Amino acid sequence: MTSLLVLFFVVSKKYFIFVCSLRYNEKMRTIKRQTYIDKVKPFIDSNLIKVFTGSRRAGKSVLMQLIQNELIDSGVNTSQILALNFESRIDGKPMTGEIVWNKVKEKVSETDKKVYLFFDEVQELNEWEKIVNSIQVDFDVDIYLTGSNAKLLSSELSTYLSGRYIEIKVYPFSFKEVVQIKEESNIAIDNKKLFREYIIKGGYPVLYNYQMSYDDEMLYLSDLFNSIILKDVAQRNNIRDVALFKQIVIFIMANVGNLFSATSVIKYLKNEKRNLSTETLYNYLDFCKSVYLVNMIQRQNIIGKELLSSQNKIYMIDHGLRQAIYGNNQRDINQILENIVCVELQRRGYNVTIGCIGAKEVDFCATKNEEVIYFQVTYLLASEETIEREFGSLMAIQDNYPKYVLSLDELDFSRDGIIHKNIVEWLLE
């Protein structure tokens, strides 16, 4: 554990110096993430606690500031706002529930109006759920929380705040947001060229808020990945063999979009002279999901609608991390395009599954309320064989819901009621 802490210190120090260098040498550019603000607006001043979840550095803290700006623009006085980051320290000491409660009490005593509370990375506060619940009961407040740990919702929130919160998942920049930030910076853009860059570096906001070299971008993503692995996973879950855990994560990265098999992973490790139980492997996967590093997408029988328990697929929350750690995003373009489309569908609020119909497979079945859409994703429809494969899976579905084939082709290959669209154009809708 000592060596782990030393490694984390080295990584953190390097990351701190790197970020500070950016901070002092570049002017930060931000965009108004209107999609998220629109999701929040109906719940402002309600008794529901607004919880923003997502991976580290996905933009949750900036979003909290944007909401504060919205409140101020609507007439709320700055004296009514209290913002606390629970990764910071008071007088060199970590924040406690008592400190937080007293700060809220002091802020409430300064005004006869509602107070707006913004608690950043709330999972760092011990017994945070009890403190938040007490504050909500004791004071006239409107509460906003961020957290980087999915267990924040699956356990604590659902237990202690059941029926009294709304979750808003925050993702790294979509391609549409990347285009937006370039447009607002008055930078001449070529969407095709910009998308090629997006394929490589993904959507973490800092990569577009600062002018950086490719090496610096990869350094930032590598340090972010190591911070997630060491601080958010290894330390919290007492993983002793961090090197083995990291090796497994890199193997998963390499196989993004492929059917996941625990047996194949364990076989791979045995070839590397490493042993791991199936139970531990699935625990490691749960850890990765809990910090928003990966998505596990289930397979679904399209005809019977039942979910299938085996051979699911794993996608990265952000494909830029894959480039920094494993590389080959351009070589593995089909996998990366699938990853981008999967996350985009989730970003748009769809529940996503892998469709199965007989021996055929549909890349994504996207559902939202009563809406259902089917998607096939490929790099190029470069041969008749590819066209038959991509369209054939969708043609096997005998319902009337919309069906799309997405590729980077410029020509329109739509046929038989199946819509073909250029991926870049679809992402910008």
Protein backbone atom coordinates (compact mmCIF):
# COMPACT_ATOMS: atom_id res chain seq x y z
CA MET A 1 0.00 0.00 0.00
CA THR A 2 2.96 2.31 0.68
CA SER A 3 4.17 1.90 -2.89
CA LEU A 4 0.65 2.62 -4.13
CA LEU A 5 0.51 5.86 -2.16
CA VAL A 6 3.94 6.90 -3.45
CA LEU A 7 2.86 6.21 -7.03
CA PHE A 8 -0.34 8.17 -6.52
CA PHE A 9 1.65 11.09 -5.11
CA VAL A 10 3.94 11.09 -8.12
CA VAL A 11 1.02 10.94 -10.54
CA SER A 12 -0.92 13.61 -8.66
CA LYS A 13 2.10 15.92 -8.47
CA LYS A 14 2.75 15.58 -12.21
CA TYR A 15 -0.92 16.18 -12.95
CA PHE A 16 -1.03 19.22 -10.63
CA ILE A 17 2.03 20.83 -12.24
CA PHE A 18 0.64 20.13 -15.71
CA VAL A 19 -2.79 21.64 -14.99
CA CYS A 20 -1.29 24.67 -13.24
CA SER A 21 0.91 25.27 -16.26
CA LEU A 22 -2.17 25.30 -18.45
CA ARG A 23 -4.05 27.51 -16.04
CA TYR A 24 -1.43 30.21 -16.01
CA ASN A 25 -0.60 30.15 -19.68
CA GLU A 26 -3.95 29.81 -21.37
CA LYS A 27 -7.30 31.49 -21.10
CA MET A 28 -10.04 28.99 -20.43
CA ARG A 29 -12.94 28.75 -22.86
CA THR A 30 -16.29 27.42 -21.72
CA ILE A 31 -19.62 26.74 -23.35
CA LYS A 32 -23.07 26.93 -21.91
CA ARG A 33 -24.10 23.28 -21.79
CA GLN A 34 -27.69 24.11 -22.55
CA THR A 35 -28.92 20.52 -22.74
CA TYR A 36 -28.03 19.96 -19.09
CA ILE A 37 -29.30 23.36 -17.96
CA ASP A 38 -32.64 22.64 -19.64
CA LYS A 39 -32.84 19.38 -17.70
CA VAL A 40 -32.27 21.24 -14.43
CA LYS A 41 -34.57 24.25 -14.94
CA PRO A 42 -37.90 22.48 -14.22
CA PHE A 43 -36.57 21.42 -10.82
CA ILE A 44 -35.09 24.73 -9.61
CA ASP A 45 -36.68 25.76 -6.29
CA SER A 46 -38.29 22.33 -5.93
CA ASN A 47 -37.80 20.05 -2.93
CA LEU A 48 -36.00 17.55 -5.13
CA ILE A 49 -32.23 17.35 -4.65
CA LYS A 50 -30.44 17.72 -7.97
CA VAL A 51 -27.59 15.20 -8.31
CA PHE A 52 -25.04 15.44 -11.12
CA THR A 53 -23.09 12.23 -11.65
CA GLY A 54 -20.33 11.29 -14.05
CA SER A 55 -16.61 10.65 -14.39
CA ARG A 56 -13.92 12.92 -13.06
CA ARG A 57 -13.25 16.00 -15.21
CA ALA A 58 -16.41 15.51 -17.27
CA GLY A 59 -17.51 19.06 -16.50
CA LYS A 60 -19.76 18.65 -13.43
CA SER A 61 -18.12 21.48 -11.47
CA VAL A 62 -18.36 23.87 -14.42
CA LEU A 63 -21.99 22.90 -14.86
CA MET A 64 -22.64 23.77 -11.21
CA GLN A 65 -21.14 27.21 -11.87
CA LEU A 66 -23.29 27.64 -14.98
CA ILE A 67 -26.39 26.91 -12.91
CA GLN A 68 -25.29 29.48 -10.35
CA ASN A 69 -24.97 31.98 -13.20
CA GLU A 70 -28.51 31.08 -14.31
CA LEU A 71 -29.80 31.74 -10.81
CA ILE A 72 -28.04 35.10 -10.59
CA ASP A 73 -29.39 36.10 -14.02
CA SER A 74 -32.89 35.24 -12.77
CA GLY A 75 -32.55 37.60 -9.78
CA VAL A 76 -31.00 35.43 -7.07
CA ASN A 77 -28.48 37.36 -4.96
CA THR A 78 -24.97 35.97 -4.63
CA SER A 79 -25.45 36.09 -0.85
CA GLN A 80 -28.03 33.32 -1.26
CA ILE A 81 -25.51 30.90 -2.79
CA LEU A 82 -23.11 28.63 -0.90
CA ALA A 83 -20.72 26.46 -2.93
CA LEU A 84 -18.45 23.87 -1.27
CA ASN A 85 -15.97 21.45 -2.85
CA PHE A 86 -15.44 18.44 -0.62
CA GLU A 87 -12.10 17.62 -2.19
CA SER A 88 -10.75 20.83 -0.66
CA ARG A 89 -9.72 21.29 2.98
CA ILE A 90 -10.54 23.84 5.70
CA ASP A 91 -7.45 24.94 7.66
CA GLY A 92 -5.58 21.89 6.37
CA LYS A 93 -8.26 19.50 7.59
CA PRO A 94 -10.88 17.58 5.61
CA MET A 95 -14.42 18.90 5.81
CA THR A 96 -16.73 17.31 8.35
CA GLY A 97 -20.48 17.17 8.61
CA GLU A 98 -20.37 19.59 11.53
CA ILE A 99 -18.35 22.15 9.53
CA VAL A 100 -20.76 21.90 6.60
CA TRP A 101 -23.88 22.17 8.78
CA ASN A 102 -22.51 25.25 10.53
CA LYS A 103 -21.60 26.89 7.21
CA VAL A 104 -25.13 26.35 5.95
CA LYS A 105 -26.62 27.65 9.20
CA GLU A 106 -24.46 30.79 8.93
CA LYS A 107 -25.47 31.37 5.30
CA VAL A 108 -29.18 30.88 6.05
CA SER A 109 -28.99 33.35 8.95
CA GLU A 110 -27.73 36.05 6.57
CA THR A 111 -30.91 36.17 4.47
CA ASP A 112 -34.66 35.71 4.75
CA LYS A 113 -34.76 34.15 1.27
CA LYS A 114 -34.10 30.64 0.01
CA VAL A 115 -30.46 29.55 0.04
CA TYR A 116 -28.97 27.57 -2.85
CA LEU A 117 -26.40 24.94 -1.88
CA PHE A 118 -23.85 23.49 -4.31
CA PHE A 119 -21.89 20.54 -2.93
CA ASP A 120 -19.13 19.32 -5.25
CA GLU A 121 -17.80 15.71 -5.05
CA VAL A 122 -20.07 15.06 -2.10
CA GLN A 123 -18.99 11.41 -1.78
CA GLU A 124 -15.76 12.69 -0.16
CA LEU A 125 -17.75 13.80 2.91
CA ASN A 126 -18.20 11.05 5.49
CA GLU A 127 -21.86 10.17 6.01
CA TRP A 128 -22.78 12.86 3.50
CA GLU A 129 -26.26 11.46 3.06
CA LYS A 130 -27.15 12.11 6.73
CA ILE A 131 -25.82 15.67 6.54
CA VAL A 132 -27.71 16.45 3.32
CA ASN A 133 -30.91 14.99 4.71
CA SER A 134 -30.56 17.01 7.93
CA ILE A 135 -29.89 20.24 6.03
CA GLN A 136 -32.90 19.71 3.80
CA VAL A 137 -35.14 19.17 6.85
CA ASP A 138 -33.72 22.00 8.97
CA PHE A 139 -33.40 24.83 6.42
CA ASP A 140 -35.16 26.50 3.47
CA VAL A 141 -32.66 25.43 0.82
CA ASP A 142 -32.37 24.21 -2.76
CA ILE A 143 -29.64 21.54 -2.99
CA TYR A 144 -27.36 20.58 -5.89
CA LEU A 145 -24.79 17.76 -5.59
CA THR A 146 -22.07 16.28 -7.77
CA GLY A 147 -20.43 12.88 -7.40
CA SER A 148 -17.99 10.72 -9.34
CA ASN A 149 -19.00 7.40 -7.85
CA ALA A 150 -22.01 5.54 -9.26
CA LYS A 151 -22.62 3.87 -5.88
CA LEU A 152 -23.67 7.33 -4.80
CA LEU A 153 -26.94 6.53 -6.51
CA SER A 154 -27.20 2.79 -6.43
CA SER A 155 -26.91 2.59 -2.68
CA GLU A 156 -26.78 5.73 -0.57
CA LEU A 157 -29.07 7.98 -2.60
CA SER A 158 -31.69 5.38 -3.29
CA THR A 159 -31.70 4.44 0.39
CA TYR A 160 -31.60 7.82 2.09
CA LEU A 161 -33.12 10.14 -0.51
CA SER A 162 -35.63 7.83 -2.15
CA GLY A 163 -38.19 9.82 -4.13
CA ARG A 164 -36.56 13.11 -3.19
CA TYR A 165 -33.83 13.47 -5.81
CA ILE A 166 -33.32 13.60 -9.55
CA GLU A 167 -30.18 12.29 -11.20
CA ILE A 168 -28.62 14.09 -14.15
CA LYS A 169 -25.76 12.18 -15.77
CA VAL A 170 -22.98 14.41 -17.09
CA TYR A 171 -20.80 13.13 -19.93
CA PRO A 172 -17.63 14.53 -21.51
CA PHE A 173 -18.26 16.80 -24.48
CA SER A 174 -20.34 15.46 -27.33
CA PHE A 175 -19.05 16.17 -30.81
CA LYS A 176 -21.80 18.78 -31.15
CA GLU A 177 -20.46 20.57 -28.07
CA VAL A 178 -16.92 20.40 -29.49
CA VAL A 179 -18.16 22.13 -32.65
CA GLN A 180 -20.00 24.68 -30.52
CA ILE A 181 -16.95 25.64 -28.46
CA LYS A 182 -14.93 26.13 -31.64
CA GLU A 183 -17.68 28.28 -33.15
CA GLU A 184 -17.97 30.42 -30.01
CA SER A 185 -14.20 30.91 -30.05
CA ASN A 186 -14.49 32.32 -33.60
CA ILE A 187 -12.24 29.55 -34.88
CA ALA A 188 -12.68 28.52 -38.50
CA ILE A 189 -13.61 24.86 -38.42
CA ASP A 190 -13.75 21.92 -40.77
CA ASN A 191 -16.22 19.47 -39.20
CA LYS A 192 -14.64 16.47 -40.93
CA LYS A 193 -11.15 17.38 -39.71
CA LEU A 194 -12.50 18.16 -36.24
CA PHE A 195 -14.22 14.79 -36.10
CA ARG A 196 -10.96 13.04 -36.96
CA GLU A 197 -9.44 14.82 -33.97
CA TYR A 198 -12.43 13.84 -31.82
CA ILE A 199 -11.90 10.18 -32.75
CA ILE A 200 -8.41 10.42 -31.28
CA LYS A 201 -8.79 12.52 -28.15
CA GLY A 202 -12.42 12.14 -27.13
CA GLY A 203 -14.45 14.75 -25.30
CA TYR A 204 -12.93 15.68 -21.95
CA PRO A 205 -13.54 19.46 -21.70
CA VAL A 206 -10.02 20.56 -20.76
CA LEU A 207 -8.74 19.32 -24.13
CA TYR A 208 -10.92 21.93 -25.82
CA ASN A 209 -10.65 24.65 -23.18
CA TYR A 210 -6.90 25.03 -23.73
CA GLN A 211 -4.56 25.05 -26.69
CA MET A 212 -2.50 21.89 -26.21
CA SER A 213 -0.10 19.73 -28.19
CA TYR A 214 -0.98 16.10 -28.90
CA ASP A 215 1.64 14.94 -26.39
CA ASP A 216 0.15 17.19 -23.69
CA GLU A 217 -3.35 15.91 -24.49
CA MET A 218 -2.21 12.31 -24.07
CA LEU A 219 -0.31 13.21 -20.88
CA TYR A 220 -3.45 14.75 -19.43
CA LEU A 221 -5.58 11.72 -20.34
CA SER A 222 -2.97 9.28 -19.03
CA ASP A 223 -2.74 11.13 -15.73
CA LEU A 224 -6.52 11.28 -15.49
CA PHE A 225 -6.75 7.54 -16.12
CA ASN A 226 -4.11 6.79 -13.49
CA SER A 227 -5.88 9.06 -11.01
CA ILE A 228 -9.16 7.17 -11.57
CA ILE A 229 -7.44 3.78 -11.30
CA LEU A 230 -5.42 4.63 -8.20
CA LYS A 231 -7.56 7.02 -6.20
CA ASP A 232 -11.12 6.19 -7.19
CA VAL A 233 -10.76 2.43 -7.55
CA ALA A 234 -7.63 0.90 -6.00
CA GLN A 235 -7.56 2.89 -2.79
CA ARG A 236 -11.29 2.79 -2.13
CA ASN A 237 -11.60 -0.93 -2.81
CA ASN A 238 -8.30 -2.03 -1.26
CA ILE A 239 -6.95 -3.55 -4.46
CA ARG A 240 -3.46 -4.80 -3.68
CA ASP A 241 -2.30 -5.86 -7.13
CA VAL A 242 -2.85 -2.56 -8.93
CA ALA A 243 -0.70 -3.65 -11.87
CA LEU A 244 -2.95 -6.66 -12.51
CA PHE A 245 -6.08 -4.53 -12.24
CA LYS A 246 -4.66 -2.00 -14.69
CA GLN A 247 -3.71 -4.82 -17.07
CA ILE A 248 -7.33 -6.03 -17.06
CA VAL A 249 -8.67 -2.54 -17.76
CA ILE A 250 -6.29 -2.15 -20.72
CA PHE A 251 -7.44 -5.53 -22.07
CA ILE A 252 -11.04 -4.33 -21.83
CA MET A 253 -10.08 -1.10 -23.62
CA ALA A 254 -8.54 -3.09 -26.45
CA ASN A 255 -11.76 -5.09 -26.86
CA VAL A 256 -14.26 -2.21 -26.78
CA GLY A 257 -17.38 -3.18 -28.70
CA ASN A 258 -16.56 -6.89 -28.76
CA LEU A 259 -18.60 -9.52 -26.95
CA PHE A 260 -17.29 -9.79 -23.41
CA SER A 261 -16.26 -13.21 -22.14
CA ALA A 262 -14.91 -13.70 -18.62
CA THR A 263 -13.39 -16.98 -19.79
CA SER A 264 -11.35 -15.26 -22.51
CA VAL A 265 -10.05 -12.65 -20.07
CA ILE A 266 -8.98 -15.28 -17.54
CA LYS A 267 -7.38 -17.33 -20.33
CA TYR A 268 -5.48 -14.24 -21.50
CA LEU A 269 -4.23 -13.65 -17.95
CA LYS A 270 -3.10 -17.26 -17.60
CA ASN A 271 -1.05 -16.86 -20.77
CA GLU A 272 0.52 -13.86 -19.03
CA LYS A 273 1.28 -16.06 -15.98
CA ARG A 274 -1.38 -14.28 -13.89
CA ASN A 275 -4.29 -15.88 -12.05
CA LEU A 276 -7.66 -14.34 -11.31
CA SER A 277 -11.03 -15.75 -10.25
CA THR A 278 -14.21 -15.05 -12.21
CA GLU A 279 -15.74 -13.43 -9.12
CA THR A 280 -12.82 -11.01 -8.75
CA LEU A 281 -12.95 -10.16 -12.44
CA TYR A 282 -16.61 -9.18 -12.21
CA ASN A 283 -15.88 -7.19 -9.05
CA TYR A 284 -13.22 -5.29 -11.01
CA LEU A 285 -15.75 -4.59 -13.76
CA ASP A 286 -18.23 -3.27 -11.21
CA PHE A 287 -15.52 -0.97 -9.83
CA CYS A 288 -14.87 0.41 -13.32
CA LYS A 289 -18.58 1.00 -13.88
CA SER A 290 -18.92 2.67 -10.48
CA VAL A 291 -16.42 5.41 -11.40
CA TYR A 292 -17.92 5.92 -14.87
CA LEU A 293 -14.95 4.48 -16.70
CA VAL A 294 -16.91 1.91 -18.73
CA ASN A 295 -20.44 0.96 -19.76
CA MET A 296 -21.68 -2.62 -19.80
CA ILE A 297 -24.35 -2.92 -22.52
CA GLN A 298 -26.66 -5.92 -22.29
CA ARG A 299 -27.92 -8.03 -25.19
CA GLN A 300 -31.67 -8.20 -25.81
CA ASN A 301 -33.88 -10.56 -27.78
CA ILE A 302 -35.70 -8.15 -30.09
CA ILE A 303 -38.66 -10.49 -30.63
CA GLY A 304 -39.21 -11.57 -27.03
CA LYS A 305 -37.83 -8.33 -25.53
CA GLU A 306 -36.10 -10.25 -22.71
CA LEU A 307 -32.59 -9.25 -21.67
CA LEU A 308 -29.86 -11.88 -22.16
CA SER A 309 -27.45 -12.52 -19.31
CA SER A 310 -24.38 -13.53 -21.29
CA GLN A 311 -22.01 -12.06 -23.86
CA ASN A 312 -22.63 -8.39 -23.20
CA LYS A 313 -20.44 -5.63 -24.66
CA ILE A 314 -18.30 -3.02 -22.92
CA TYR A 315 -17.78 0.56 -24.11
CA MET A 316 -15.70 3.40 -22.71
CA ILE A 317 -17.38 6.48 -21.28
CA ASP A 318 -14.76 8.39 -23.24
CA HIS A 319 -12.77 6.87 -26.07
CA GLY A 320 -9.93 9.39 -25.68
CA LEU A 321 -8.74 7.50 -22.59
CA ARG A 322 -8.36 4.43 -24.80
CA GLN A 323 -6.10 6.32 -27.21
CA ALA A 324 -3.90 7.57 -24.37
CA ILE A 325 -3.52 4.18 -22.68
CA TYR A 326 -3.93 1.57 -25.43
CA GLY A 327 -3.72 3.60 -28.67
CA ASN A 328 -4.96 2.54 -32.12
CA ASN A 329 -8.26 4.46 -32.19
CA GLN A 330 -7.78 5.14 -35.89
CA ARG A 331 -6.88 1.52 -36.67
CA ASP A 332 -9.87 0.26 -34.69
CA ILE A 333 -12.20 2.82 -36.27
CA ASN A 334 -15.28 0.54 -36.34
CA GLN A 335 -15.01 -0.06 -32.58
CA ILE A 336 -14.53 3.64 -31.86
CA LEU A 337 -17.47 4.73 -34.01
CA GLU A 338 -19.67 2.23 -32.17
CA ASN A 339 -18.40 3.63 -28.87
CA ILE A 340 -19.17 7.21 -29.92
CA VAL A 341 -22.70 6.32 -31.06
CA CYS A 342 -23.42 4.28 -27.90
CA VAL A 343 -22.42 7.10 -25.56
CA GLU A 344 -24.23 9.69 -27.68
CA LEU A 345 -27.46 7.70 -27.43
CA GLN A 346 -27.07 7.55 -23.65
CA ARG A 347 -26.27 11.26 -23.59
CA ARG A 348 -29.58 11.86 -25.43
CA GLY A 349 -31.43 9.95 -22.74
CA TYR A 350 -31.94 6.57 -24.42
CA ASN A 351 -31.65 3.20 -22.74
CA VAL A 352 -29.29 1.20 -24.97
CA THR A 353 -29.09 -2.55 -25.57
CA ILE A 354 -27.53 -4.86 -28.18
CA GLY A 355 -30.25 -6.37 -30.36
CA CYS A 356 -30.42 -10.07 -31.21
CA ILE A 357 -32.78 -11.49 -33.82
CA GLY A 358 -32.07 -15.11 -34.69
CA ALA A 359 -28.43 -15.38 -35.74
CA LYS A 360 -28.27 -11.69 -36.64
CA GLU A 361 -27.18 -8.85 -34.35
CA VAL A 362 -28.23 -5.20 -34.31
CA ASP A 363 -25.61 -2.86 -32.88
CA PHE A 364 -27.98 -0.79 -30.76
CA CYS A 365 -31.63 -0.79 -29.74
CA ALA A 366 -32.37 2.65 -28.27
CA THR A 367 -35.54 3.13 -26.20
CA LYS A 368 -36.96 6.18 -24.44
CA ASN A 369 -40.50 6.09 -23.08
CA GLU A 370 -42.51 4.55 -25.97
CA GLU A 371 -39.90 5.46 -28.60
CA VAL A 372 -37.72 2.72 -30.15
CA ILE A 373 -34.93 3.23 -32.71
CA TYR A 374 -32.52 0.66 -34.18
CA PHE A 375 -28.96 1.44 -35.28
CA GLN A 376 -26.22 -0.22 -37.26
CA VAL A 377 -22.81 1.47 -37.18
CA THR A 378 -19.95 0.93 -39.61
CA TYR A 379 -16.97 2.83 -40.95
CA LEU A 380 -17.82 2.71 -44.65
CA LEU A 381 -20.32 0.88 -46.83
CA ALA A 382 -17.42 -0.01 -49.08
CA SER A 383 -18.67 -3.26 -50.56
CA GLU A 384 -21.91 -4.98 -51.43
CA GLU A 385 -21.13 -7.54 -48.73
CA THR A 386 -20.93 -4.78 -46.10
CA ILE A 387 -24.14 -3.19 -47.34
CA GLU A 388 -25.97 -6.52 -47.18
CA ARG A 389 -24.65 -7.20 -43.67
CA GLU A 390 -25.55 -3.81 -42.20
CA PHE A 391 -28.95 -3.43 -43.86
CA GLY A 392 -29.79 -7.13 -43.60
CA SER A 393 -29.80 -7.15 -39.78
CA LEU A 394 -32.27 -4.27 -39.73
CA MET A 395 -34.44 -5.75 -42.47
CA ALA A 396 -34.91 -8.86 -40.32
CA ILE A 397 -36.81 -6.74 -37.76
CA GLN A 398 -40.51 -6.89 -38.59
CA ASP A 399 -41.76 -3.85 -36.71
CA ASN A 400 -42.30 -0.27 -37.91
CA TYR A 401 -39.90 1.58 -35.62
CA PRO A 402 -37.20 3.76 -37.28
CA LYS A 403 -34.06 1.99 -38.44
CA TYR A 404 -30.73 3.68 -39.20
CA VAL A 405 -27.40 2.74 -40.71
CA LEU A 406 -24.68 5.21 -39.66
CA SER A 407 -21.36 5.46 -41.48
CA LEU A 408 -18.82 8.02 -42.69
CA ASP A 409 -19.97 7.69 -46.30
CA GLU A 410 -20.93 10.92 -48.06
CA LEU A 411 -23.41 9.26 -50.42
CA ASP A 412 -26.91 8.30 -49.26
CA PHE A 413 -27.41 4.51 -49.30
CA SER A 414 -30.94 4.58 -47.81
CA ARG A 415 -33.19 1.76 -49.04
CA ASP A 416 -36.16 -0.42 -48.11
CA GLY A 417 -37.34 2.09 -45.51
CA ILE A 418 -33.98 2.02 -43.70
CA ILE A 419 -32.38 5.45 -43.34
CA HIS A 420 -28.66 5.84 -44.01
CA LYS A 421 -26.95 8.85 -42.43
CA ASN A 422 -23.45 10.22 -42.20
CA ILE A 423 -22.30 9.83 -38.57
CA VAL A 424 -20.98 13.39 -38.34
CA GLU A 425 -24.29 14.82 -39.55
CA TRP A 426 -26.21 12.61 -37.11
CA LEU A 427 -24.03 13.71 -34.20
CA LEU A 428 -24.73 17.36 -35.04
CA GLU A 429 -28.52 16.95 -35.04
